[in-house]
Amino acid sequence: MSKLTPLLIEGSYLFESITHEDERGYFREWFKSSTVNEFLKREFKVEQANISKSKKGVVRGIHFSSAPQGQAKWITCTGGALWDVIVDIRPNSPTFGQWDAQELRADDGRSLFISEGLGHAFLALEEETIISYLLSTPYSPSHEWAINPLDPDIGISWPAGDLSLSERDSLAPSLREFLNHP
């Protein structure tokens, strides 16, 4: 039986589905629109699907979209393992500036739902980590933003010491700098 559990940050959920394993491998249903919509009590309409492959120690994010309709994400790990981080960047939220993290592994049957207005980052815990995510709105370069994943005010406790960041993410502003920028 699948289940959906609310996480620390309002609008984020952990979805756990059944994984069927035998000597050949495993099978799991990682997304079914009717089940997801029933659990979330809202429609999550998929407009784009992405896949990202990362080496161990790679951090991607904190990324978010300011598109007028927002951008929700359904995230699952399809290869290796990752440490997925949700950051509340909504200034009027009671958990503003806080973060929550969940480990997702390719064979664990777990996925995350992240509502519109939340930041997302992850750390690849193994070589060849593959993350698949479904988006409620298509990529729009003029609405895409990054917050530095090492922002001391957010204080994410990354579980690895040797992190690899893109130039974009390492040069991204802190959350405070982003919000104070005209």
Foldseek 3Di string as FASTA:
>chain_A
DKAWADDPFPQKIKIAWDWADDPVGIDTDQDDQVVVCVRVVHGQAFDDKDKDWDAAQEKDFQKFFPPVVFKKKKKAKQAAKKKKKKAQLDPPDPRHLEMDIDIHGNRGRMIMIHDGRITIMMGGRHHGIMMMMTMSDDDDVVGMAGAQPPQVSSPDPDPDDRHDYDPRNNPGHHSVVVVPDD
